[in-house]
Amino acid sequence: MPRYVAPTQGKVGQIIDVIVLLIMAIGALYIPLWMGLAGSAKTPQAIENPTWESLGQNPVMVEQWQKLGYADPASAAELITARFDYSFSITALIVMIVVIVGYYAILLRFSEKEYREVIAEKFGE
């Protein structure tokens, strides 16, 4: 029985593959940010006449804020009181689930086709 030898790919094909994969990886990371589907929003809490104590800062923390250039509590209040917004859209979540499941279904379908071709090539019909 002859041993299976996989087809070889030329250097130009490998370079094109690397470029396409790089574009896809950067796109997968950047497009959700560009569409506003990822990233965190911070919502600062408004405090009238903030003091270091009302912001929950001890003397060591105050010293560090001052080293960073925030001389008074009012200038640092927005950073200290900012909280992450963890809300999300159910529609976006469902779309993401459908895309991921669809991707794996297509991947399995193509893999099965290629697997059957290799088996048929090696062992016959």
N, C-alpha and C. Protein backbone atom coordinates (compact mmCIF):
# COMPACT_ATOMS: atom_id res chain seq x y z
N MET A 1 0.85 -1.17 0.00
CA MET A 1 0.00 0.00 0.00
C MET A 1 0.90 1.24 0.00
N PRO A 2 0.68 2.16 -0.94
CA PRO A 2 1.55 3.35 -1.00
C PRO A 2 1.32 4.28 0.19
N ARG A 3 2.40 4.89 0.61
CA ARG A 3 2.33 5.79 1.76
C ARG A 3 1.79 7.15 1.30
N TYR A 4 0.91 7.74 2.10
CA TYR A 4 0.31 9.03 1.76
C TYR A 4 1.34 10.14 1.87
N VAL A 5 1.43 10.96 0.84
CA VAL A 5 2.32 12.12 0.83
C VAL A 5 1.45 13.36 0.66
N ALA A 6 1.50 14.22 1.64
CA ALA A 6 0.68 15.44 1.61
C ALA A 6 1.20 16.39 0.54
N PRO A 7 0.29 17.12 -0.11
CA PRO A 7 0.75 18.08 -1.10
C PRO A 7 1.55 19.21 -0.44
N THR A 8 2.56 19.72 -1.14
CA THR A 8 3.38 20.79 -0.59
C THR A 8 2.89 22.15 -1.09
N GLN A 9 3.17 23.16 -0.28
CA GLN A 9 2.77 24.52 -0.63
C GLN A 9 4.02 25.34 -0.88
N GLY A 10 3.97 26.17 -1.90
CA GLY A 10 5.12 27.00 -2.25
C GLY A 10 5.32 28.15 -1.27
N LYS A 11 6.47 28.80 -1.37
CA LYS A 11 6.80 29.91 -0.45
C LYS A 11 5.84 31.08 -0.62
N VAL A 12 5.45 31.39 -1.86
CA VAL A 12 4.52 32.50 -2.09
C VAL A 12 3.17 32.21 -1.43
N GLY A 13 2.72 30.98 -1.55
CA GLY A 13 1.46 30.59 -0.91
C GLY A 13 1.54 30.70 0.60
N GLN A 14 2.67 30.33 1.18
CA GLN A 14 2.86 30.44 2.63
C GLN A 14 2.85 31.90 3.07
N ILE A 15 3.51 32.77 2.30
CA ILE A 15 3.53 34.19 2.63
C ILE A 15 2.13 34.78 2.56
N ILE A 16 1.39 34.42 1.53
CA ILE A 16 0.01 34.90 1.40
C ILE A 16 -0.83 34.39 2.57
N ASP A 17 -0.66 33.13 2.94
CA ASP A 17 -1.39 32.58 4.09
C ASP A 17 -1.09 33.36 5.37
N VAL A 18 0.18 33.67 5.60
CA VAL A 18 0.56 34.41 6.81
C VAL A 18 -0.05 35.79 6.80
N ILE A 19 -0.02 36.48 5.65
CA ILE A 19 -0.60 37.82 5.56
C ILE A 19 -2.11 37.77 5.81
N VAL A 20 -2.79 36.81 5.21
CA VAL A 20 -4.24 36.68 5.40
C VAL A 20 -4.56 36.39 6.87
N LEU A 21 -3.82 35.49 7.49
CA LEU A 21 -4.05 35.17 8.90
C LEU A 21 -3.77 36.37 9.80
N LEU A 22 -2.75 37.15 9.49
CA LEU A 22 -2.44 38.35 10.26
C LEU A 22 -3.56 39.38 10.13
N ILE A 23 -4.05 39.59 8.92
CA ILE A 23 -5.17 40.51 8.71
C ILE A 23 -6.41 40.03 9.46
N MET A 24 -6.68 38.73 9.42
CA MET A 24 -7.85 38.19 10.12
C MET A 24 -7.71 38.34 11.63
N ALA A 25 -6.52 38.11 12.16
CA ALA A 25 -6.31 38.23 13.61
C ALA A 25 -6.47 39.68 14.06
N ILE A 26 -5.87 40.60 13.33
CA ILE A 26 -6.00 42.02 13.69
C ILE A 26 -7.45 42.46 13.53
N GLY A 27 -8.09 42.01 12.47
CA GLY A 27 -9.51 42.34 12.26
C GLY A 27 -10.40 41.80 13.36
N ALA A 28 -10.13 40.58 13.80
CA ALA A 28 -10.94 39.99 14.86
C ALA A 28 -10.79 40.74 16.17
N LEU A 29 -9.63 41.36 16.38
CA LEU A 29 -9.42 42.13 17.60
C LEU A 29 -9.92 43.57 17.47
N TYR A 30 -9.81 44.15 16.27
CA TYR A 30 -10.12 45.57 16.12
C TYR A 30 -11.59 45.83 15.75
N ILE A 31 -12.19 44.99 14.92
CA ILE A 31 -13.55 45.25 14.43
C ILE A 31 -14.57 45.37 15.57
N PRO A 32 -14.56 44.50 16.60
CA PRO A 32 -15.52 44.70 17.69
C PRO A 32 -15.34 46.06 18.40
N LEU A 33 -14.11 46.53 18.53
CA LEU A 33 -13.89 47.85 19.12
C LEU A 33 -14.43 48.95 18.21
N TRP A 34 -14.20 48.80 16.92
CA TRP A 34 -14.63 49.78 15.94
C TRP A 34 -16.16 49.84 15.88
N MET A 35 -16.82 48.69 16.04
CA MET A 35 -18.29 48.65 16.00
C MET A 35 -18.92 49.00 17.34
N GLY A 36 -18.11 49.20 18.35
CA GLY A 36 -18.64 49.55 19.67
C GLY A 36 -19.20 48.36 20.43
N LEU A 37 -18.78 47.15 20.06
CA LEU A 37 -19.28 45.94 20.72
C LEU A 37 -18.38 45.49 21.86
N ALA A 38 -17.23 46.11 22.01
CA ALA A 38 -16.29 45.71 23.06
C ALA A 38 -15.71 46.96 23.70
N GLY A 39 -14.98 46.75 24.75
CA GLY A 39 -14.39 47.87 25.47
C GLY A 39 -15.24 48.17 26.69
N SER A 40 -14.67 48.87 27.60
CA SER A 40 -15.41 49.14 28.83
C SER A 40 -15.71 50.63 28.94
N ALA A 41 -16.87 50.91 29.44
CA ALA A 41 -17.26 52.29 29.68
C ALA A 41 -17.17 52.54 31.18
N LYS A 42 -16.64 53.69 31.53
CA LYS A 42 -16.55 54.05 32.94
C LYS A 42 -17.53 55.16 33.21
N THR A 43 -18.27 55.02 34.29
CA THR A 43 -19.23 56.05 34.67
C THR A 43 -18.84 56.61 36.03
N PRO A 44 -18.32 57.84 36.04
CA PRO A 44 -17.93 58.43 37.33
C PRO A 44 -19.16 58.87 38.13
N GLN A 45 -19.07 58.75 39.43
CA GLN A 45 -20.15 59.19 40.32
C GLN A 45 -19.85 60.62 40.73
N ALA A 46 -20.85 61.47 40.59
CA ALA A 46 -20.66 62.88 40.93
C ALA A 46 -20.72 63.07 42.44
N ILE A 47 -19.70 63.72 42.99
CA ILE A 47 -19.64 64.03 44.42
C ILE A 47 -19.39 65.54 44.54
N GLU A 48 -20.29 66.22 45.26
CA GLU A 48 -20.11 67.66 45.45
C GLU A 48 -19.08 67.90 46.55
N ASN A 49 -18.20 68.83 46.30
CA ASN A 49 -17.15 69.20 47.25
C ASN A 49 -16.43 67.96 47.81
N PRO A 50 -15.76 67.20 46.96
CA PRO A 50 -15.11 65.98 47.45
C PRO A 50 -13.92 66.30 48.36
N THR A 51 -13.76 65.45 49.34
CA THR A 51 -12.57 65.49 50.19
C THR A 51 -11.88 64.14 50.05
N TRP A 52 -10.61 64.09 50.46
CA TRP A 52 -9.90 62.81 50.38
C TRP A 52 -10.61 61.75 51.22
N GLU A 53 -11.17 62.15 52.35
CA GLU A 53 -11.87 61.20 53.22
C GLU A 53 -13.16 60.70 52.57
N SER A 54 -13.92 61.62 51.94
CA SER A 54 -15.17 61.19 51.29
C SER A 54 -14.90 60.30 50.08
N LEU A 55 -13.71 60.40 49.51
CA LEU A 55 -13.33 59.53 48.40
C LEU A 55 -12.72 58.22 48.87
N GLY A 56 -12.58 58.06 50.20
CA GLY A 56 -12.06 56.82 50.76
C GLY A 56 -10.56 56.68 50.62
N GLN A 57 -9.85 57.78 50.63
CA GLN A 57 -8.40 57.75 50.46
C GLN A 57 -7.70 58.00 51.80
N ASN A 58 -6.72 57.18 52.12
CA ASN A 58 -5.94 57.37 53.34
C ASN A 58 -4.72 58.25 53.03
N PRO A 59 -3.96 58.67 54.04
CA PRO A 59 -2.82 59.57 53.79
C PRO A 59 -1.79 59.03 52.79
N VAL A 60 -1.54 57.74 52.80
CA VAL A 60 -0.58 57.16 51.86
C VAL A 60 -1.11 57.29 50.43
N MET A 61 -2.40 57.03 50.25
CA MET A 61 -3.01 57.16 48.93
C MET A 61 -2.98 58.61 48.46
N VAL A 62 -3.28 59.53 49.38
CA VAL A 62 -3.26 60.95 49.05
C VAL A 62 -1.87 61.36 48.57
N GLU A 63 -0.86 60.88 49.24
CA GLU A 63 0.52 61.19 48.85
C GLU A 63 0.81 60.68 47.43
N GLN A 64 0.33 59.48 47.11
CA GLN A 64 0.56 58.93 45.78
C GLN A 64 -0.21 59.72 44.71
N TRP A 65 -1.44 60.14 45.03
CA TRP A 65 -2.20 60.97 44.10
C TRP A 65 -1.47 62.28 43.84
N GLN A 66 -0.89 62.85 44.88
CA GLN A 66 -0.17 64.11 44.72
C GLN A 66 1.09 63.92 43.88
N LYS A 67 1.75 62.77 44.02
CA LYS A 67 2.92 62.48 43.19
C LYS A 67 2.53 62.36 41.72
N LEU A 68 1.30 61.92 41.48
CA LEU A 68 0.81 61.80 40.10
C LEU A 68 0.34 63.13 39.53
N GLY A 69 0.32 64.17 40.35
CA GLY A 69 -0.05 65.49 39.86
C GLY A 69 -1.45 65.93 40.22
N TYR A 70 -2.13 65.17 41.06
CA TYR A 70 -3.48 65.53 41.50
C TYR A 70 -3.36 66.17 42.88
N ALA A 71 -3.28 67.49 42.90
CA ALA A 71 -3.01 68.20 44.16
C ALA A 71 -4.22 68.26 45.08
N ASP A 72 -5.42 68.30 44.49
CA ASP A 72 -6.62 68.41 45.33
C ASP A 72 -7.58 67.27 45.01
N PRO A 73 -8.52 66.99 45.93
CA PRO A 73 -9.45 65.87 45.72
C PRO A 73 -10.37 66.07 44.52
N ALA A 74 -10.69 67.31 44.18
CA ALA A 74 -11.60 67.56 43.06
C ALA A 74 -11.00 67.09 41.73
N SER A 75 -9.69 67.23 41.59
CA SER A 75 -9.06 66.82 40.33
C SER A 75 -8.97 65.31 40.20
N ALA A 76 -8.89 64.60 41.31
CA ALA A 76 -8.78 63.13 41.27
C ALA A 76 -10.12 62.43 41.44
N ALA A 77 -11.16 63.18 41.77
CA ALA A 77 -12.46 62.56 42.09
C ALA A 77 -13.02 61.74 40.93
N GLU A 78 -12.90 62.24 39.72
CA GLU A 78 -13.46 61.53 38.57
C GLU A 78 -12.78 60.17 38.37
N LEU A 79 -11.47 60.13 38.54
CA LEU A 79 -10.75 58.85 38.41
C LEU A 79 -11.08 57.89 39.54
N ILE A 80 -11.19 58.42 40.74
CA ILE A 80 -11.42 57.55 41.90
C ILE A 80 -12.82 56.97 41.89
N THR A 81 -13.81 57.77 41.49
CA THR A 81 -15.21 57.31 41.56
C THR A 81 -15.67 56.60 40.30
N ALA A 82 -14.83 56.55 39.26
CA ALA A 82 -15.23 55.88 38.02
C ALA A 82 -15.40 54.38 38.25
N ARG A 83 -16.51 53.86 37.81
CA ARG A 83 -16.81 52.43 37.92
C ARG A 83 -17.07 51.87 36.53
N PHE A 84 -16.67 50.64 36.31
CA PHE A 84 -16.90 50.01 35.01
C PHE A 84 -18.38 49.71 34.83
N ASP A 85 -18.83 49.86 33.60
CA ASP A 85 -20.21 49.55 33.23
C ASP A 85 -20.22 48.14 32.63
N TYR A 86 -20.82 47.20 33.32
CA TYR A 86 -20.81 45.80 32.88
C TYR A 86 -22.09 45.40 32.15
N SER A 87 -22.86 46.36 31.69
CA SER A 87 -24.08 46.03 30.97
C SER A 87 -23.73 45.47 29.59
N PHE A 88 -24.62 44.66 29.03
CA PHE A 88 -24.40 44.10 27.70
C PHE A 88 -25.73 43.94 27.00
N SER A 89 -25.66 43.71 25.72
CA SER A 89 -26.86 43.57 24.90
C SER A 89 -27.14 42.09 24.67
N ILE A 90 -28.36 41.68 24.95
CA ILE A 90 -28.76 40.28 24.72
C ILE A 90 -28.67 39.96 23.23
N THR A 91 -29.07 40.92 22.39
CA THR A 91 -29.03 40.70 20.94
C THR A 91 -27.59 40.45 20.48
N ALA A 92 -26.65 41.26 20.95
CA ALA A 92 -25.25 41.07 20.57
C ALA A 92 -24.73 39.73 21.07
N LEU A 93 -25.14 39.31 22.27
CA LEU A 93 -24.72 38.02 22.81
C LEU A 93 -25.25 36.88 21.95
N ILE A 94 -26.51 36.95 21.55
CA ILE A 94 -27.11 35.90 20.72
C ILE A 94 -26.43 35.85 19.35
N VAL A 95 -26.17 37.03 18.77
CA VAL A 95 -25.48 37.08 17.47
C VAL A 95 -24.10 36.45 17.59
N MET A 96 -23.38 36.74 18.67
CA MET A 96 -22.04 36.17 18.86
C MET A 96 -22.13 34.65 19.00
N ILE A 97 -23.10 34.16 19.74
CA ILE A 97 -23.26 32.71 19.89
C ILE A 97 -23.56 32.06 18.55
N VAL A 98 -24.45 32.66 17.76
CA VAL A 98 -24.80 32.11 16.44
C VAL A 98 -23.58 32.09 15.53
N VAL A 99 -22.79 33.16 15.55
CA VAL A 99 -21.60 33.22 14.70
C VAL A 99 -20.60 32.15 15.11
N ILE A 100 -20.36 31.98 16.40
CA ILE A 100 -19.38 30.98 16.86
C ILE A 100 -19.85 29.57 16.55
N VAL A 101 -21.11 29.26 16.83
CA VAL A 101 -21.64 27.92 16.53
C VAL A 101 -21.63 27.67 15.02
N GLY A 102 -22.00 28.69 14.24
CA GLY A 102 -21.97 28.56 12.78
C GLY A 102 -20.56 28.31 12.27
N TYR A 103 -19.60 29.03 12.84
CA TYR A 103 -18.20 28.84 12.44
C TYR A 103 -17.75 27.41 12.70
N TYR A 104 -18.05 26.88 13.86
CA TYR A 104 -17.64 25.51 14.17
C TYR A 104 -18.39 24.49 13.32
N ALA A 105 -19.66 24.75 12.99
CA ALA A 105 -20.39 23.84 12.12
C ALA A 105 -19.76 23.80 10.73
N ILE A 106 -19.41 24.96 10.19
CA ILE A 106 -18.75 25.02 8.88
C ILE A 106 -17.39 24.34 8.95
N LEU A 107 -16.65 24.60 10.03
CA LEU A 107 -15.33 24.00 10.20
C LEU A 107 -15.43 22.47 10.22
N LEU A 108 -16.39 21.94 10.97
CA LEU A 108 -16.56 20.49 11.03
C LEU A 108 -16.99 19.92 9.68
N ARG A 109 -17.84 20.65 8.96
CA ARG A 109 -18.31 20.17 7.66
C ARG A 109 -17.15 20.09 6.67
N PHE A 110 -16.32 21.15 6.60
CA PHE A 110 -15.19 21.14 5.69
C PHE A 110 -14.15 20.11 6.11
N SER A 111 -13.93 19.97 7.41
CA SER A 111 -12.96 18.98 7.90
C SER A 111 -13.41 17.57 7.55
N GLU A 112 -14.70 17.30 7.68
CA GLU A 112 -15.21 15.98 7.34
C GLU A 112 -15.00 15.69 5.85
N LYS A 113 -15.25 16.67 5.01
CA LYS A 113 -15.07 16.50 3.57
C LYS A 113 -13.60 16.21 3.24
N GLU A 114 -12.68 16.98 3.83
CA GLU A 114 -11.26 16.77 3.57
C GLU A 114 -10.79 15.43 4.14
N TYR A 115 -11.30 15.08 5.30
CA TYR A 115 -10.93 13.80 5.92
C TYR A 115 -11.35 12.64 5.03
N ARG A 116 -12.55 12.71 4.51
CA ARG A 116 -13.04 11.65 3.63
C ARG A 116 -12.21 11.58 2.34
N GLU A 117 -11.76 12.73 1.82
CA GLU A 117 -10.92 12.73 0.62
C GLU A 117 -9.58 12.05 0.89
N VAL A 118 -8.98 12.32 2.04
CA VAL A 118 -7.70 11.71 2.39
C VAL A 118 -7.86 10.20 2.55
N ILE A 119 -8.92 9.78 3.24
CA ILE A 119 -9.18 8.34 3.42
C ILE A 119 -9.40 7.66 2.07
N ALA A 120 -10.19 8.31 1.19
CA ALA A 120 -10.44 7.73 -0.13
C ALA A 120 -9.16 7.67 -0.96
N GLU A 121 -8.31 8.69 -0.82
CA GLU A 121 -7.05 8.71 -1.59
C GLU A 121 -6.10 7.61 -1.11
N LYS A 122 -6.10 7.37 0.19
CA LYS A 122 -5.17 6.39 0.76
C LYS A 122 -5.68 4.97 0.64
N PHE A 123 -6.96 4.77 0.93
CA PHE A 123 -7.50 3.41 0.98
C PHE A 123 -8.45 3.09 -0.15
N GLY A 124 -8.82 4.05 -0.95
CA GLY A 124 -9.76 3.81 -2.05
C GLY A 124 -11.19 3.97 -1.55
N GLU A 125 -12.11 3.85 -2.46
CA GLU A 125 -13.53 4.00 -2.11
C GLU A 125 -13.94 2.88 -1.28
